[in-house]
C-alpha cells in the first residue's frame, strides 16, 4: 500500500493550516484538522496492527517556485510511505 499524510508537528501546523489556508488562501479555511494529523510513529504502529510492514518512508515537499512536489528526507510536514501485507502466522 502507498499512503501520504501530514505529520502532527508545529511546522506542519504552520505550513498547512496557517500558511496554506489563512495566509495564502490556497485552500479553504478548515480544510485541515490538526486532530487528524498523524505522526509517522503512530501510522507505522497502526499499520503493524493491521499486518502491514512499512518498507520505506520519505518526506513529500512542495516547491512553490516550480509548483512541483518532490521526495525529501524531511518528514516534518508531509510524508509518504509504502508497506506490504505480512503473511499470517
Protein backbone atom coordinates (compact mmCIF):
# COMPACT_ATOMS: atom_id res chain seq x y z
CA UNK A 1 0.00 0.00 0.00
CA UNK A 2 1.07 3.59 -0.57
CA UNK A 3 -0.04 6.37 1.75
CA UNK A 4 0.72 10.03 2.18
CA UNK A 5 -0.40 12.23 5.04
CA UNK A 6 0.56 15.19 7.18
CA UNK A 7 2.74 14.88 10.25
CA UNK A 8 1.45 16.31 13.55
CA UNK A 9 4.23 18.84 14.19
CA UNK A 10 4.20 22.57 14.81
CA UNK A 11 5.92 23.07 11.45
CA UNK A 12 3.11 21.14 9.72
CA UNK A 13 0.51 23.23 11.55
CA UNK A 14 2.22 26.46 10.49
CA UNK A 15 2.62 25.31 6.89
CA UNK A 16 -0.68 23.58 6.17
CA UNK A 17 -3.15 25.48 8.32
CA UNK A 18 -1.70 28.92 8.96
CA UNK A 19 0.12 29.47 5.66
CA UNK A 20 -1.86 27.44 3.09
CA UNK A 21 -5.33 28.20 4.47
CA UNK A 22 -5.17 31.58 6.21
CA UNK A 23 -2.26 33.49 4.67
CA UNK A 24 -2.02 32.25 1.08
CA UNK A 25 -5.65 31.13 0.67
CA UNK A 26 -4.51 28.13 -1.40
CA UNK A 27 -7.16 26.03 0.36
CA UNK A 28 -10.46 26.83 2.03
CA UNK A 29 -10.21 27.57 5.75
CA UNK A 30 -10.99 24.40 7.68
CA UNK A 31 -9.58 22.02 5.06
CA UNK A 32 -7.08 20.59 7.56
CA UNK A 33 -7.90 19.44 11.08
CA UNK A 34 -4.96 19.37 13.49
CA UNK A 35 -6.51 16.42 15.35
CA UNK A 36 -6.44 14.37 12.13
CA UNK A 37 -2.71 14.77 11.57
CA UNK A 38 -0.76 11.61 12.39
CA UNK A 39 2.90 11.12 13.25
CA UNK A 40 4.97 8.58 11.33
CA UNK A 41 5.34 6.53 14.51
CA UNK A 42 1.58 6.40 15.06
CA UNK A 43 0.89 5.43 11.46
CA UNK A 44 3.57 2.74 11.50
CA UNK A 45 2.05 1.24 14.66
CA UNK A 46 -1.47 1.31 13.19
CA UNK A 47 -0.25 -0.41 10.04
CA UNK A 48 1.69 -3.03 12.01
CA UNK A 49 -1.51 -3.84 13.92
CA UNK A 50 -3.12 -4.48 10.53
CA UNK A 51 -0.23 -6.76 9.46
CA UNK A 52 1.28 -4.16 7.13
CA UNK A 53 5.04 -3.75 7.27
CA UNK A 54 6.32 -0.27 6.36
CA UNK A 55 9.14 -0.69 3.86
CA UNK A 56 10.11 2.90 3.12
CA UNK A 57 9.15 6.42 4.18
CA UNK A 58 10.11 9.80 2.76
CA UNK A 59 9.17 13.42 3.07
CA UNK A 60 6.99 14.90 0.36
CA UNK A 61 7.78 18.59 -0.21
CA UNK A 62 6.21 21.26 -2.40
CA UNK A 63 8.33 23.88 -4.13
CA UNK A 64 6.16 26.98 -4.61
CA UNK A 65 8.61 28.43 -7.15
CA UNK A 66 8.29 25.48 -9.53
CA UNK A 67 4.86 24.26 -8.44
CA UNK A 68 6.22 20.71 -8.16
CA UNK A 69 6.33 18.09 -5.43
CA UNK A 70 9.43 16.01 -4.73
CA UNK A 71 10.69 13.42 -2.27
CA UNK A 72 12.89 14.53 0.61
CA UNK A 73 14.48 13.30 3.82
CA UNK A 74 12.36 15.88 5.69
CA UNK A 75 9.20 14.20 7.07
CA UNK A 76 8.28 17.11 9.38
CA UNK A 77 5.29 18.25 7.27
CA UNK A 78 4.13 15.85 4.54
CA UNK A 79 5.33 12.30 4.22
CA UNK A 80 4.68 9.30 2.04
CA UNK A 81 5.27 5.63 2.75
CA UNK A 82 4.76 2.24 1.29
CA UNK A 83 4.21 -1.05 3.01
CA UNK A 84 3.33 -4.63 2.28
CA UNK A 85 0.93 -7.02 3.94
CA UNK A 86 2.80 -9.54 6.06
CA UNK A 87 1.99 -13.26 5.95
CA UNK A 88 -0.45 -14.57 8.53
CA UNK A 89 1.01 -16.81 11.20
